[in-house]
Amino acid sequence: MGIFQKSVIKKHLMQLDKEQVDKAFDRFNENYSPAKISEIKKLKEEEYQDGFLREIFVDIFGYTLKPADNYNLAREFKNQTDGKKADGAILKDGKAIDQMVYQLYELTNEEIEIVEESV
C-alpha cells in the first residue's frame, strides 16, 4: 500500500516543471549509485542526517541550508506546535512549512513494519 493515493500523486506531478524534474532526477542518479545506496542503508540515522540534507535537499532540490544567507532549510528544527525537535524543516519566511518537517529514521525490519502500520 502506498502512502499517497495515485490521484493525489498524479495531480501534483502535473503541476511540476518537467525540465526541472528531469534535471533533479539526473543529479540524483549521478549522486546515488546502487553501491552508495547499499552503503547508506548500513548507516545509523545520525550518521547520514547531514548527508541526507546536503545531498538531497541542497544538491538535488536546490534548498539553502542554515547558516548560509537566505537559508530555507534548517537542521534540528523545533516543532512549533508541541516543542519536539524534528531532524529538519523546509522554511518559508522563517517558519516551517507544515507538510515539510521531516524525521529521518533507520529502517530495520521492525521499524519498517511500524511505519507501514501507521500509514
C-alpha atoms as a PDB file:
ATOM      1  CA  MET A   1       0.000   0.000   0.000  1.00  0.00           C
ATOM      2  CA  GLY A   2       1.395   3.385  -0.983  1.00  0.00           C
ATOM      3  CA  ILE A   3       1.482   6.429   1.259  1.00  0.00           C
ATOM      4  CA  PHE A   4      -0.412   8.584  -1.249  1.00  0.00           C
ATOM      5  CA  GLN A   5      -3.368   7.841  -3.489  1.00  0.00           C
ATOM      6  CA  LYS A   6      -2.469   7.667  -7.170  1.00  0.00           C
ATOM      7  CA  SER A   7      -4.871  10.526  -7.967  1.00  0.00           C
ATOM      8  CA  VAL A   8      -3.081  12.790  -5.447  1.00  0.00           C
ATOM      9  CA  ILE A   9       0.326  11.934  -6.903  1.00  0.00           C
ATOM     10  CA  LYS A  10      -0.921  12.490 -10.460  1.00  0.00           C
ATOM     11  CA  LYS A  11      -2.430  15.876  -9.538  1.00  0.00           C
ATOM     12  CA  HIS A  12       0.824  17.130  -8.001  1.00  0.00           C
ATOM     13  CA  LEU A  13       3.026  15.705 -10.739  1.00  0.00           C
ATOM     14  CA  MET A  14       1.002  17.614 -13.340  1.00  0.00           C
ATOM     15  CA  GLN A  15       1.931  20.868 -11.568  1.00  0.00           C
ATOM     16  CA  LEU A  16       5.690  20.249 -11.762  1.00  0.00           C
ATOM     17  CA  ASP A  17       8.021  21.619 -14.412  1.00  0.00           C
ATOM     18  CA  LYS A  18       9.152  18.552 -16.379  1.00  0.00           C
ATOM     19  CA  GLU A  19      12.550  20.060 -17.201  1.00  0.00           C
ATOM     20  CA  GLN A  20      13.266  20.789 -13.515  1.00  0.00           C
ATOM     21  CA  VAL A  21      12.184  17.273 -12.533  1.00  0.00           C
ATOM     22  CA  ASP A  22      14.389  15.727 -15.221  1.00  0.00           C
ATOM     23  CA  LYS A  23      17.411  17.776 -14.092  1.00  0.00           C
ATOM     24  CA  ALA A  24      16.829  16.845 -10.435  1.00  0.00           C
ATOM     25  CA  PHE A  25      16.461  13.176 -11.360  1.00  0.00           C
ATOM     26  CA  ASP A  26      19.700  13.315 -13.351  1.00  0.00           C
ATOM     27  CA  ARG A  27      21.501  14.858 -10.338  1.00  0.00           C
ATOM     28  CA  PHE A  28      20.020  12.142  -8.119  1.00  0.00           C
ATOM     29  CA  ASN A  29      21.236   9.377 -10.441  1.00  0.00           C
ATOM     30  CA  GLU A  30      24.703  10.929 -10.650  1.00  0.00           C
ATOM     31  CA  ASN A  31      24.939  11.021  -6.858  1.00  0.00           C
ATOM     32  CA  TYR A  32      23.297   7.725  -5.878  1.00  0.00           C
ATOM     33  CA  SER A  33      24.800   4.622  -7.419  1.00  0.00           C
ATOM     34  CA  PRO A  34      23.464   1.244  -6.274  1.00  0.00           C
ATOM     35  CA  ALA A  35      26.709   0.776  -4.300  1.00  0.00           C
ATOM     36  CA  LYS A  36      26.261   4.103  -2.485  1.00  0.00           C
ATOM     37  CA  ILE A  37      22.622   3.331  -1.687  1.00  0.00           C
ATOM     38  CA  SER A  38      23.705  -0.019  -0.274  1.00  0.00           C
ATOM     39  CA  GLU A  39      26.268   1.706   1.973  1.00  0.00           C
ATOM     40  CA  ILE A  40      23.731   4.316   3.132  1.00  0.00           C
ATOM     41  CA  LYS A  41      21.357   1.534   4.210  1.00  0.00           C
ATOM     42  CA  LYS A  42      24.057   0.313   6.631  1.00  0.00           C
ATOM     43  CA  LEU A  43      24.390   3.690   8.368  1.00  0.00           C
ATOM     44  CA  LYS A  44      22.688   4.767  11.541  1.00  0.00           C
ATOM     45  CA  GLU A  45      20.260   7.659  11.194  1.00  0.00           C
ATOM     46  CA  GLU A  46      22.561  10.192  12.859  1.00  0.00           C
ATOM     47  CA  GLU A  47      25.472   9.139  10.613  1.00  0.00           C
ATOM     48  CA  TYR A  48      23.603  10.108   7.458  1.00  0.00           C
ATOM     49  CA  GLN A  49      21.476  13.007   8.669  1.00  0.00           C
ATOM     50  CA  ASP A  50      23.768  15.752   7.362  1.00  0.00           C
ATOM     51  CA  GLY A  51      24.440  13.823   4.144  1.00  0.00           C
ATOM     52  CA  PHE A  52      20.705  13.428   3.589  1.00  0.00           C
ATOM     53  CA  LEU A  53      20.095  17.158   3.939  1.00  0.00           C
ATOM     54  CA  ARG A  54      23.021  18.181   1.766  1.00  0.00           C
ATOM     55  CA  GLU A  55      22.798  15.510  -0.915  1.00  0.00           C
ATOM     56  CA  ILE A  56      19.030  15.504  -1.370  1.00  0.00           C
ATOM     57  CA  PHE A  57      17.692  18.898  -0.345  1.00  0.00           C
ATOM     58  CA  VAL A  58      20.685  21.109  -1.208  1.00  0.00           C
ATOM     59  CA  ASP A  59      22.405  19.348  -4.132  1.00  0.00           C
ATOM     60  CA  ILE A  60      19.326  17.907  -5.842  1.00  0.00           C
ATOM     61  CA  PHE A  61      16.404  20.174  -4.900  1.00  0.00           C
ATOM     62  CA  GLY A  62      18.394  23.411  -4.545  1.00  0.00           C
ATOM     63  CA  TYR A  63      17.493  24.452  -0.984  1.00  0.00           C
ATOM     64  CA  THR A  64      19.896  26.586   1.059  1.00  0.00           C
ATOM     65  CA  LEU A  65      20.959  25.158   4.422  1.00  0.00           C
ATOM     66  CA  LYS A  66      21.263  27.313   7.527  1.00  0.00           C
ATOM     67  CA  PRO A  67      23.602  29.197   8.384  1.00  0.00           C
ATOM     68  CA  ALA A  68      24.040  30.366   4.767  1.00  0.00           C
ATOM     69  CA  ASP A  69      22.429  33.674   3.809  1.00  0.00           C
ATOM     70  CA  ASN A  70      18.783  33.455   2.761  1.00  0.00           C
ATOM     71  CA  TYR A  71      18.503  29.866   4.013  1.00  0.00           C
ATOM     72  CA  ASN A  72      15.260  27.938   3.635  1.00  0.00           C
ATOM     73  CA  LEU A  73      16.328  24.638   5.198  1.00  0.00           C
ATOM     74  CA  ALA A  74      17.230  24.056   8.850  1.00  0.00           C
ATOM     75  CA  ARG A  75      18.539  21.113  10.888  1.00  0.00           C
ATOM     76  CA  GLU A  76      17.149  20.131  14.273  1.00  0.00           C
ATOM     77  CA  PHE A  77      14.085  22.288  13.918  1.00  0.00           C
ATOM     78  CA  LYS A  78      11.906  22.744  16.991  1.00  0.00           C
ATOM     79  CA  ASN A  79       8.309  21.836  16.200  1.00  0.00           C
ATOM     80  CA  GLN A  80       6.152  24.929  16.597  1.00  0.00           C
ATOM     81  CA  THR A  81       3.120  23.049  17.927  1.00  0.00           C
ATOM     82  CA  ASP A  82       4.479  20.623  20.539  1.00  0.00           C
ATOM     83  CA  GLY A  83       8.078  21.762  21.117  1.00  0.00           C
ATOM     84  CA  LYS A  84       9.640  18.479  19.970  1.00  0.00           C
ATOM     85  CA  LYS A  85      12.562  18.578  17.565  1.00  0.00           C
ATOM     86  CA  ALA A  86      12.444  17.238  14.048  1.00  0.00           C
ATOM     87  CA  ASP A  87      15.634  16.402  12.150  1.00  0.00           C
ATOM     88  CA  GLY A  88      14.956  19.260   9.771  1.00  0.00           C
ATOM     89  CA  ALA A  89      12.421  21.533   8.147  1.00  0.00           C
ATOM     90  CA  ILE A  90      11.871  23.468   4.949  1.00  0.00           C
ATOM     91  CA  LEU A  91      11.211  27.087   5.840  1.00  0.00           C
ATOM     92  CA  LYS A  92       9.268  29.941   4.323  1.00  0.00           C
ATOM     93  CA  ASP A  93       9.598  33.377   5.908  1.00  0.00           C
ATOM     94  CA  GLY A  94      11.488  31.763   8.808  1.00  0.00           C
ATOM     95  CA  LYS A  95       8.654  29.364   9.665  1.00  0.00           C
ATOM     96  CA  ALA A  96       8.419  25.673   8.890  1.00  0.00           C
ATOM     97  CA  ILE A  97       6.099  24.686   6.091  1.00  0.00           C
ATOM     98  CA  ASP A  98       3.807  22.265   7.935  1.00  0.00           C
ATOM     99  CA  GLN A  99       3.992  19.494   5.381  1.00  0.00           C
ATOM    100  CA  MET A 100       7.772  19.684   5.090  1.00  0.00           C
ATOM    101  CA  VAL A 101       9.111  18.929   8.565  1.00  0.00           C
ATOM    102  CA  TYR A 102      10.871  15.587   8.453  1.00  0.00           C
ATOM    103  CA  GLN A 103      12.291  12.978  10.779  1.00  0.00           C
ATOM    104  CA  LEU A 104      14.902  10.608   9.348  1.00  0.00           C
ATOM    105  CA  TYR A 105      14.836   7.018  10.618  1.00  0.00           C
ATOM    106  CA  GLU A 106      16.993   3.968  10.236  1.00  0.00           C
ATOM    107  CA  LEU A 107      14.764   1.355   8.733  1.00  0.00           C
ATOM    108  CA  THR A 108      15.250  -2.021  10.313  1.00  0.00           C
ATOM    109  CA  ASN A 109      12.589  -4.585   9.502  1.00  0.00           C
ATOM    110  CA  GLU A 110      10.841  -3.873  12.807  1.00  0.00           C
ATOM    111  CA  GLU A 111      10.792  -0.127  12.158  1.00  0.00           C
ATOM    112  CA  ILE A 112       9.519  -0.589   8.593  1.00  0.00           C
ATOM    113  CA  GLU A 113       6.584  -2.579   9.965  1.00  0.00           C
ATOM    114  CA  ILE A 114       5.776   0.176  12.476  1.00  0.00           C
ATOM    115  CA  VAL A 115       5.874   2.846   9.748  1.00  0.00           C
ATOM    116  CA  GLU A 116       3.692   0.740   7.439  1.00  0.00           C
ATOM    117  CA  GLU A 117       1.150   0.156  10.223  1.00  0.00           C
ATOM    118  CA  SER A 118       0.896   3.887  10.943  1.00  0.00           C
ATOM    119  CA  VAL A 119       0.170   4.799   7.309  1.00  0.00           C
END
